[in-house]
Amino acid sequence: MDFSEMQADGIIRWRPVATLLRSIRQLRVYASNLGHSRYIRASNVTAKERPNMRKIFLLGAIAILSACSDKSAAPAGTTSGNEAPSLPAQDIPAPTASTPAPAPASKVLSADGIGAIRFGMKLAEAEQAAGKATLPEPFDPVCSMVRFASVPKLRFMVEEGVVTRADAEPGVGNAVGVAVGDTLAQVREKHPDAQVSTHKYDKNGHYVTFPNADGKAAIILEESGGKVSKVRAGLQPAVAYVETCG
């Protein structure tokens, strides 16, 4: 006797309790009638065996009722009652590569500075960025030239505590790609729009100026005897000074 039914969604649900009770009553009536000869022939079941038959059917009915009270396992992926639907485990994102460390500041001299040192920094800020500066003796707070071990071959002008300019020795790269020893012809070929003016002390020499976008800073080359002899960069007007300070 089947007390379950298959729903359209594929879930097995038990029939209503009233249907089960009605079936149990039918079993009891059936078991009671086993004692009458019209249901079972005396030749097959004796009067002594009939009470045992009733017990068997009653136990069967109890077993069916007990089975109905057990909760059947819900099919995978379904929910029962007020249970919240189970959510699929979210994919754990694969570990990403750690963010690379920032590249070291460029050691190429530009109108803005070189390495970690920016023109316009206070000397204390430059020392924090590039290490302790080597100061001349005596140090003139109005204007002095200092050096940093982390940025060799350069002297930095410090005016009233502010780094305003850097003078480079041969071997220091620069943003315009011109080296000490290059000819004026080479510079003009590479930078035909460069600003060329006459040198203050050398009538045959020149200054070649490369201002930045706003004109507040520049790279200046000094040319003498047909070749580049000096390279400096910094803020105006300090970068345009012909002389440096002590």
C-alpha atoms as a PDB file:
ATOM      1  CA  MET A   1       0.000   0.000   0.000  1.00  0.00           C
ATOM      2  CA  ASP A   2       1.607   3.241  -1.148  1.00  0.00           C
ATOM      3  CA  PHE A   3       1.183   6.289   1.131  1.00  0.00           C
ATOM      4  CA  SER A   4       3.371   8.658  -0.865  1.00  0.00           C
ATOM      5  CA  GLU A   5       2.906  10.507  -4.110  1.00  0.00           C
ATOM      6  CA  MET A   6       5.328  12.043  -6.613  1.00  0.00           C
ATOM      7  CA  GLN A   7       4.800  15.792  -7.196  1.00  0.00           C
ATOM      8  CA  ALA A   8       5.443  17.586 -10.496  1.00  0.00           C
ATOM      9  CA  ASP A   9       8.677  19.035  -9.142  1.00  0.00           C
ATOM     10  CA  GLY A  10      10.086  15.569  -8.455  1.00  0.00           C
ATOM     11  CA  ILE A  11       9.729  15.813  -4.626  1.00  0.00           C
ATOM     12  CA  ILE A  12       8.072  12.880  -2.805  1.00  0.00           C
ATOM     13  CA  ARG A  13       5.508  14.036  -0.266  1.00  0.00           C
ATOM     14  CA  TRP A  14       3.345  11.927   2.072  1.00  0.00           C
ATOM     15  CA  ARG A  15      -0.396  11.877   1.551  1.00  0.00           C
ATOM     16  CA  PRO A  16      -2.580  13.700   4.099  1.00  0.00           C
ATOM     17  CA  VAL A  17      -2.870  12.156   7.574  1.00  0.00           C
ATOM     18  CA  ALA A  18      -6.615  11.607   7.118  1.00  0.00           C
ATOM     19  CA  THR A  19      -5.869   9.248   4.214  1.00  0.00           C
ATOM     20  CA  LEU A  20      -3.391   7.306   6.377  1.00  0.00           C
ATOM     21  CA  LEU A  21      -5.881   6.953   9.247  1.00  0.00           C
ATOM     22  CA  ARG A  22      -8.566   5.771   6.847  1.00  0.00           C
ATOM     23  CA  SER A  23      -6.171   3.139   5.519  1.00  0.00           C
ATOM     24  CA  ILE A  24      -5.294   1.996   9.045  1.00  0.00           C
ATOM     25  CA  ARG A  25      -9.018   1.579   9.887  1.00  0.00           C
ATOM     26  CA  GLN A  26      -9.416  -0.512   6.761  1.00  0.00           C
ATOM     27  CA  LEU A  27      -6.529  -2.692   7.929  1.00  0.00           C
ATOM     28  CA  ARG A  28      -8.110  -3.132  11.342  1.00  0.00           C
ATOM     29  CA  VAL A  29     -11.443  -4.112   9.810  1.00  0.00           C
ATOM     30  CA  TYR A  30      -9.638  -6.461   7.501  1.00  0.00           C
ATOM     31  CA  ALA A  31      -7.759  -8.017  10.392  1.00  0.00           C
ATOM     32  CA  SER A  32     -10.988  -8.410  12.414  1.00  0.00           C
ATOM     33  CA  ASN A  33     -12.750 -10.109   9.549  1.00  0.00           C
ATOM     34  CA  LEU A  34      -9.993 -12.664   9.264  1.00  0.00           C
ATOM     35  CA  GLY A  35     -11.822 -14.598  11.956  1.00  0.00           C
ATOM     36  CA  HIS A  36     -14.839 -15.189   9.737  1.00  0.00           C
ATOM     37  CA  SER A  37     -14.966 -18.088   7.348  1.00  0.00           C
ATOM     38  CA  ARG A  38     -16.065 -15.961   4.423  1.00  0.00           C
ATOM     39  CA  TYR A  39     -12.529 -14.390   4.299  1.00  0.00           C
ATOM     40  CA  ILE A  40     -10.317 -17.332   5.232  1.00  0.00           C
ATOM     41  CA  ARG A  41     -11.066 -21.003   4.898  1.00  0.00           C
ATOM     42  CA  ALA A  42     -10.836 -23.031   8.066  1.00  0.00           C
ATOM     43  CA  SER A  43      -8.698 -25.582   6.299  1.00  0.00           C
ATOM     44  CA  ASN A  44      -6.004 -22.980   5.732  1.00  0.00           C
ATOM     45  CA  VAL A  45      -6.060 -20.958   8.989  1.00  0.00           C
ATOM     46  CA  THR A  46      -7.089 -22.510  12.301  1.00  0.00           C
ATOM     47  CA  ALA A  47      -8.917 -20.671  15.043  1.00  0.00           C
ATOM     48  CA  LYS A  48      -5.734 -20.740  17.082  1.00  0.00           C
ATOM     49  CA  GLU A  49      -3.812 -18.953  14.303  1.00  0.00           C
ATOM     50  CA  ARG A  50      -6.396 -16.227  13.693  1.00  0.00           C
ATOM     51  CA  PRO A  51      -5.431 -14.036  16.710  1.00  0.00           C
ATOM     52  CA  ASN A  52      -1.805 -14.156  15.524  1.00  0.00           C
ATOM     53  CA  MET A  53      -2.879 -12.993  12.086  1.00  0.00           C
ATOM     54  CA  ARG A  54      -4.661 -10.000  13.665  1.00  0.00           C
ATOM     55  CA  LYS A  55      -1.472  -9.128  15.570  1.00  0.00           C
ATOM     56  CA  ILE A  56       0.581  -9.297  12.380  1.00  0.00           C
ATOM     57  CA  PHE A  57      -1.691  -6.869  10.537  1.00  0.00           C
ATOM     58  CA  LEU A  58      -1.884  -4.483  13.500  1.00  0.00           C
ATOM     59  CA  LEU A  59       1.916  -4.458  13.786  1.00  0.00           C
ATOM     60  CA  GLY A  60       2.119  -3.748  10.066  1.00  0.00           C
ATOM     61  CA  ALA A  61      -0.228  -0.798  10.451  1.00  0.00           C
ATOM     62  CA  ILE A  62       1.870   0.574  13.336  1.00  0.00           C
ATOM     63  CA  ALA A  63       5.020   0.204  11.253  1.00  0.00           C
ATOM     64  CA  ILE A  64       3.409   2.131   8.407  1.00  0.00           C
ATOM     65  CA  LEU A  65       2.318   4.926  10.751  1.00  0.00           C
ATOM     66  CA  SER A  66       5.839   5.150  12.240  1.00  0.00           C
ATOM     67  CA  ALA A  67       7.350   5.366   8.782  1.00  0.00           C
ATOM     68  CA  CYS A  68       4.984   8.218   7.925  1.00  0.00           C
ATOM     69  CA  SER A  69       6.159  10.211  10.949  1.00  0.00           C
ATOM     70  CA  ASP A  70       9.834  10.105   9.876  1.00  0.00           C
ATOM     71  CA  LYS A  71      11.053  13.005   7.793  1.00  0.00           C
ATOM     72  CA  SER A  72      12.306  11.941   4.439  1.00  0.00           C
ATOM     73  CA  ALA A  73      15.564  13.423   3.236  1.00  0.00           C
ATOM     74  CA  ALA A  74      14.980  16.214   0.804  1.00  0.00           C
ATOM     75  CA  PRO A  75      16.557  15.766  -2.605  1.00  0.00           C
ATOM     76  CA  ALA A  76      19.884  17.480  -3.103  1.00  0.00           C
ATOM     77  CA  GLY A  77      19.498  21.159  -3.874  1.00  0.00           C
ATOM     78  CA  THR A  78      15.972  21.468  -2.303  1.00  0.00           C
ATOM     79  CA  THR A  79      14.786  22.952   0.964  1.00  0.00           C
ATOM     80  CA  SER A  80      11.999  22.055   3.329  1.00  0.00           C
ATOM     81  CA  GLY A  81       9.913  24.137   5.705  1.00  0.00           C
ATOM     82  CA  ASN A  82      11.348  27.514   6.534  1.00  0.00           C
ATOM     83  CA  GLU A  83      14.960  26.526   5.985  1.00  0.00           C
ATOM     84  CA  ALA A  84      16.935  29.059   3.995  1.00  0.00           C
ATOM     85  CA  PRO A  85      18.159  27.687   0.666  1.00  0.00           C
ATOM     86  CA  SER A  86      21.742  26.638   0.768  1.00  0.00           C
ATOM     87  CA  LEU A  87      24.000  28.787  -1.371  1.00  0.00           C
ATOM     88  CA  PRO A  88      26.823  27.364  -3.437  1.00  0.00           C
ATOM     89  CA  ALA A  89      30.240  28.030  -2.006  1.00  0.00           C
ATOM     90  CA  GLN A  90      31.713  31.067  -3.645  1.00  0.00           C
ATOM     91  CA  ASP A  91      34.842  30.595  -5.593  1.00  0.00           C
ATOM     92  CA  ILE A  92      37.827  31.790  -3.620  1.00  0.00           C
ATOM     93  CA  PRO A  93      39.811  34.127  -5.858  1.00  0.00           C
ATOM     94  CA  ALA A  94      43.275  32.969  -6.650  1.00  0.00           C
ATOM     95  CA  PRO A  95      45.951  34.912  -4.794  1.00  0.00           C
ATOM     96  CA  THR A  96      47.211  37.754  -6.872  1.00  0.00           C
ATOM     97  CA  ALA A  97      50.787  38.732  -7.213  1.00  0.00           C
ATOM     98  CA  SER A  98      51.832  41.342  -4.709  1.00  0.00           C
ATOM     99  CA  THR A  99      52.051  44.896  -5.965  1.00  0.00           C
ATOM    100  CA  PRO A 100      55.594  45.494  -7.173  1.00  0.00           C
ATOM    101  CA  ALA A 101      57.636  48.006  -5.279  1.00  0.00           C
ATOM    102  CA  PRO A 102      57.873  51.382  -6.991  1.00  0.00           C
ATOM    103  CA  ALA A 103      60.847  51.763  -9.277  1.00  0.00           C
ATOM    104  CA  PRO A 104      63.728  53.786  -7.905  1.00  0.00           C
ATOM    105  CA  ALA A 105      63.596  57.485  -8.733  1.00  0.00           C
ATOM    106  CA  SER A 106      65.336  58.259 -12.025  1.00  0.00           C
ATOM    107  CA  LYS A 107      68.959  59.355 -11.736  1.00  0.00           C
ATOM    108  CA  VAL A 108      68.590  61.481 -14.863  1.00  0.00           C
ATOM    109  CA  LEU A 109      68.888  65.235 -14.346  1.00  0.00           C
ATOM    110  CA  SER A 110      65.802  67.158 -15.444  1.00  0.00           C
ATOM    111  CA  ALA A 111      64.373  70.635 -14.941  1.00  0.00           C
ATOM    112  CA  ASP A 112      62.457  69.223 -11.965  1.00  0.00           C
ATOM    113  CA  GLY A 113      65.330  67.530 -10.145  1.00  0.00           C
ATOM    114  CA  ILE A 114      67.153  64.222 -10.008  1.00  0.00           C
ATOM    115  CA  GLY A 115      66.455  61.037  -8.086  1.00  0.00           C
ATOM    116  CA  ALA A 116      64.487  61.727  -4.925  1.00  0.00           C
ATOM    117  CA  ILE A 117      65.572  65.363  -4.840  1.00  0.00           C
ATOM    118  CA  ARG A 118      63.131  67.869  -6.328  1.00  0.00           C
ATOM    119  CA  PHE A 119      64.006  71.487  -6.901  1.00  0.00           C
ATOM    120  CA  GLY A 120      62.026  73.636  -4.490  1.00  0.00           C
ATOM    121  CA  MET A 121      62.436  71.172  -1.597  1.00  0.00           C
ATOM    122  CA  LYS A 122      63.701  72.472   1.677  1.00  0.00           C
ATOM    123  CA  LEU A 123      67.130  71.128   2.538  1.00  0.00           C
ATOM    124  CA  ALA A 124      65.666  69.133   5.431  1.00  0.00           C
ATOM    125  CA  GLU A 125      63.180  67.475   3.036  1.00  0.00           C
ATOM    126  CA  ALA A 126      65.954  66.675   0.563  1.00  0.00           C
ATOM    127  CA  GLU A 127      68.001  65.095   3.350  1.00  0.00           C
ATOM    128  CA  GLN A 128      65.040  63.007   4.402  1.00  0.00           C
ATOM    129  CA  ALA A 129      64.628  61.793   0.800  1.00  0.00           C
ATOM    130  CA  ALA A 130      68.298  61.351  -0.199  1.00  0.00           C
ATOM    131  CA  GLY A 131      70.294  61.159   3.025  1.00  0.00           C
ATOM    132  CA  LYS A 132      72.421  63.609   4.949  1.00  0.00           C
ATOM    133  CA  ALA A 133      73.982  66.371   2.872  1.00  0.00           C
ATOM    134  CA  THR A 134      77.667  67.263   2.999  1.00  0.00           C
ATOM    135  CA  LEU A 135      77.858  70.974   3.737  1.00  0.00           C
ATOM    136  CA  PRO A 136      80.745  73.319   3.006  1.00  0.00           C
ATOM    137  CA  GLU A 137      82.612  75.033   5.816  1.00  0.00           C
ATOM    138  CA  PRO A 138      81.643  77.614   6.559  1.00  0.00           C
ATOM    139  CA  PHE A 139      78.037  77.042   5.484  1.00  0.00           C
ATOM    140  CA  ASP A 140      76.343  80.210   4.277  1.00  0.00           C
ATOM    141  CA  PRO A 141      72.554  79.912   4.795  1.00  0.00           C
ATOM    142  CA  VAL A 142      71.983  82.557   2.119  1.00  0.00           C
ATOM    143  CA  CYS A 143      73.591  80.472  -0.632  1.00  0.00           C
ATOM    144  CA  SER A 144      75.795  77.375  -0.456  1.00  0.00           C
ATOM    145  CA  MET A 145      76.627  74.373  -2.623  1.00  0.00           C
ATOM    146  CA  VAL A 146      76.084  70.961  -0.981  1.00  0.00           C
ATOM    147  CA  ARG A 147      76.502  67.331  -2.000  1.00  0.00           C
ATOM    148  CA  PHE A 148      74.596  64.107  -1.372  1.00  0.00           C
ATOM    149  CA  ALA A 149      76.427  60.774  -1.304  1.00  0.00           C
ATOM    150  CA  SER A 150      73.377  59.063  -2.825  1.00  0.00           C
ATOM    151  CA  VAL A 151      73.549  61.360  -5.884  1.00  0.00           C
ATOM    152  CA  PRO A 152      77.241  61.573  -6.815  1.00  0.00           C
ATOM    153  CA  LYS A 153      78.855  63.936  -9.309  1.00  0.00           C
ATOM    154  CA  LEU A 154      76.402  66.744  -8.530  1.00  0.00           C
ATOM    155  CA  ARG A 155      76.549  69.919  -6.491  1.00  0.00           C
ATOM    156  CA  PHE A 156      73.250  71.347  -5.288  1.00  0.00           C
ATOM    157  CA  MET A 157      72.629  75.031  -4.700  1.00  0.00           C
ATOM    158  CA  VAL A 158      70.783  75.801  -1.464  1.00  0.00           C
ATOM    159  CA  GLU A 159      69.353  79.309  -1.084  1.00  0.00           C
ATOM    160  CA  GLU A 160      67.739  80.316   2.192  1.00  0.00           C
ATOM    161  CA  GLY A 161      67.287  76.628   3.027  1.00  0.00           C
ATOM    162  CA  VAL A 162      65.720  75.677  -0.351  1.00  0.00           C
ATOM    163  CA  VAL A 163      67.327  73.461  -3.029  1.00  0.00           C
ATOM    164  CA  THR A 164      67.149  75.520  -6.230  1.00  0.00           C
ATOM    165  CA  ARG A 165      69.713  74.136  -8.670  1.00  0.00           C
ATOM    166  CA  ALA A 166      72.152  71.281  -9.484  1.00  0.00           C
ATOM    167  CA  ASP A 167      75.415  71.434 -11.416  1.00  0.00           C
ATOM    168  CA  ALA A 168      76.444  68.149 -13.040  1.00  0.00           C
ATOM    169  CA  GLU A 169      79.890  66.731 -13.692  1.00  0.00           C
ATOM    170  CA  PRO A 170      80.654  64.622 -16.793  1.00  0.00           C
ATOM    171  CA  GLY A 171      78.941  61.239 -16.720  1.00  0.00           C
ATOM    172  CA  VAL A 172      75.580  62.362 -15.284  1.00  0.00           C
ATOM    173  CA  GLY A 173      72.691  61.692 -17.663  1.00  0.00           C
ATOM    174  CA  ASN A 174      70.133  64.378 -18.438  1.00  0.00           C
ATOM    175  CA  ALA A 175      66.641  64.639 -19.883  1.00  0.00           C
ATOM    176  CA  VAL A 176      67.750  66.223 -23.163  1.00  0.00           C
ATOM    177  CA  GLY A 177      70.228  63.475 -23.966  1.00  0.00           C
ATOM    178  CA  VAL A 178      73.249  65.715 -24.378  1.00  0.00           C
ATOM    179  CA  ALA A 179      76.621  64.879 -22.840  1.00  0.00           C
ATOM    180  CA  VAL A 180      79.606  66.983 -21.951  1.00  0.00           C
ATOM    181  CA  GLY A 181      81.847  66.942 -25.046  1.00  0.00           C
ATOM    182  CA  ASP A 182      79.021  66.953 -27.599  1.00  0.00           C
ATOM    183  CA  THR A 183      79.359  69.646 -30.245  1.00  0.00           C
ATOM    184  CA  LEU A 184      76.971  72.552 -30.654  1.00  0.00           C
ATOM    185  CA  ALA A 185      76.163  71.197 -34.112  1.00  0.00           C
ATOM    186  CA  GLN A 186      75.086  67.880 -32.565  1.00  0.00           C
ATOM    187  CA  VAL A 187      72.900  69.672 -30.028  1.00  0.00           C
ATOM    188  CA  ARG A 188      71.233  71.750 -32.715  1.00  0.00           C
ATOM    189  CA  GLU A 189      70.689  68.697 -34.896  1.00  0.00           C
ATOM    190  CA  LYS A 190      69.033  66.859 -32.009  1.00  0.00           C
ATOM    191  CA  HIS A 191      67.097  69.907 -30.758  1.00  0.00           C
ATOM    192  CA  PRO A 192      66.559  72.391 -33.609  1.00  0.00           C
ATOM    193  CA  ASP A 193      64.151  74.475 -31.485  1.00  0.00           C
ATOM    194  CA  ALA A 194      66.533  74.883 -28.545  1.00  0.00           C
ATOM    195  CA  GLN A 195      67.091  78.417 -27.267  1.00  0.00           C
ATOM    196  CA  VAL A 196      70.695  79.483 -28.008  1.00  0.00           C
ATOM    197  CA  SER A 197      72.185  82.674 -26.553  1.00  0.00           C
ATOM    198  CA  THR A 198      75.663  84.195 -26.293  1.00  0.00           C
ATOM    199  CA  HIS A 199      77.913  83.253 -23.380  1.00  0.00           C
ATOM    200  CA  LYS A 200      78.554  86.050 -20.865  1.00  0.00           C
ATOM    201  CA  TYR A 201      82.332  85.546 -20.670  1.00  0.00           C
ATOM    202  CA  ASP A 202      83.143  83.716 -23.920  1.00  0.00           C
ATOM    203  CA  LYS A 203      82.234  85.638 -27.034  1.00  0.00           C
ATOM    204  CA  ASN A 204      82.461  82.460 -29.057  1.00  0.00           C
ATOM    205  CA  GLY A 205      80.580  80.407 -26.490  1.00  0.00           C
ATOM    206  CA  HIS A 206      76.861  79.893 -26.017  1.00  0.00           C
ATOM    207  CA  TYR A 207      74.150  78.920 -23.546  1.00  0.00           C
ATOM    208  CA  VAL A 208      71.605  76.395 -24.787  1.00  0.00           C
ATOM    209  CA  THR A 209      68.416  76.536 -22.726  1.00  0.00           C
ATOM    210  CA  PHE A 210      65.624  73.935 -22.440  1.00  0.00           C
ATOM    211  CA  PRO A 211      62.825  75.434 -20.328  1.00  0.00           C
ATOM    212  CA  ASN A 212      60.065  73.279 -18.852  1.00  0.00           C
ATOM    213  CA  ALA A 213      56.403  73.746 -19.803  1.00  0.00           C
ATOM    214  CA  ASP A 214      55.705  76.697 -17.524  1.00  0.00           C
ATOM    215  CA  GLY A 215      59.111  78.316 -17.924  1.00  0.00           C
ATOM    216  CA  LYS A 216      59.798  78.285 -14.171  1.00  0.00           C
ATOM    217  CA  ALA A 217      62.654  75.790 -14.476  1.00  0.00           C
ATOM    218  CA  ALA A 218      65.111  74.677 -17.146  1.00  0.00           C
ATOM    219  CA  ILE A 219      68.134  72.660 -18.196  1.00  0.00           C
ATOM    220  CA  ILE A 220      70.986  74.854 -19.408  1.00  0.00           C
ATOM    221  CA  LEU A 221      74.059  73.719 -21.310  1.00  0.00           C
ATOM    222  CA  GLU A 222      77.214  75.816 -21.552  1.00  0.00           C
ATOM    223  CA  GLU A 223      79.136  75.535 -24.821  1.00  0.00           C
ATOM    224  CA  SER A 224      82.681  76.773 -25.221  1.00  0.00           C
ATOM    225  CA  GLY A 225      85.163  76.095 -28.045  1.00  0.00           C
ATOM    226  CA  GLY A 226      82.416  74.381 -30.048  1.00  0.00           C
ATOM    227  CA  LYS A 227      81.649  71.738 -27.385  1.00  0.00           C
ATOM    228  CA  VAL A 228      79.374  71.379 -24.370  1.00  0.00           C
ATOM    229  CA  SER A 229      81.435  72.029 -21.251  1.00  0.00           C
ATOM    230  CA  LYS A 230      78.830  72.243 -18.432  1.00  0.00           C
ATOM    231  CA  VAL A 231      75.299  71.058 -17.683  1.00  0.00           C
ATOM    232  CA  ARG A 232      73.005  72.407 -14.960  1.00  0.00           C
ATOM    233  CA  ALA A 233      69.323  72.382 -14.129  1.00  0.00           C
ATOM    234  CA  GLY A 234      67.016  74.049 -11.638  1.00  0.00           C
ATOM    235  CA  LEU A 235      64.532  76.765 -10.878  1.00  0.00           C
ATOM    236  CA  GLN A 236      64.648  80.235 -12.359  1.00  0.00           C
ATOM    237  CA  PRO A 237      66.448  82.528 -11.733  1.00  0.00           C
ATOM    238  CA  ALA A 238      69.025  80.356  -9.924  1.00  0.00           C
ATOM    239  CA  VAL A 239      69.619  78.092 -12.916  1.00  0.00           C
ATOM    240  CA  ALA A 240      70.525  81.111 -15.056  1.00  0.00           C
ATOM    241  CA  TYR A 241      73.213  82.350 -12.717  1.00  0.00           C
ATOM    242  CA  VAL A 242      76.600  82.278 -14.426  1.00  0.00           C
ATOM    243  CA  GLU A 243      78.364  81.879 -11.079  1.00  0.00           C
ATOM    244  CA  THR A 244      77.602  79.528  -8.245  1.00  0.00           C
ATOM    245  CA  CYS A 245      77.774  80.302  -4.548  1.00  0.00           C
ATOM    246  CA  GLY A 246      80.375  79.099  -2.048  1.00  0.00           C
END
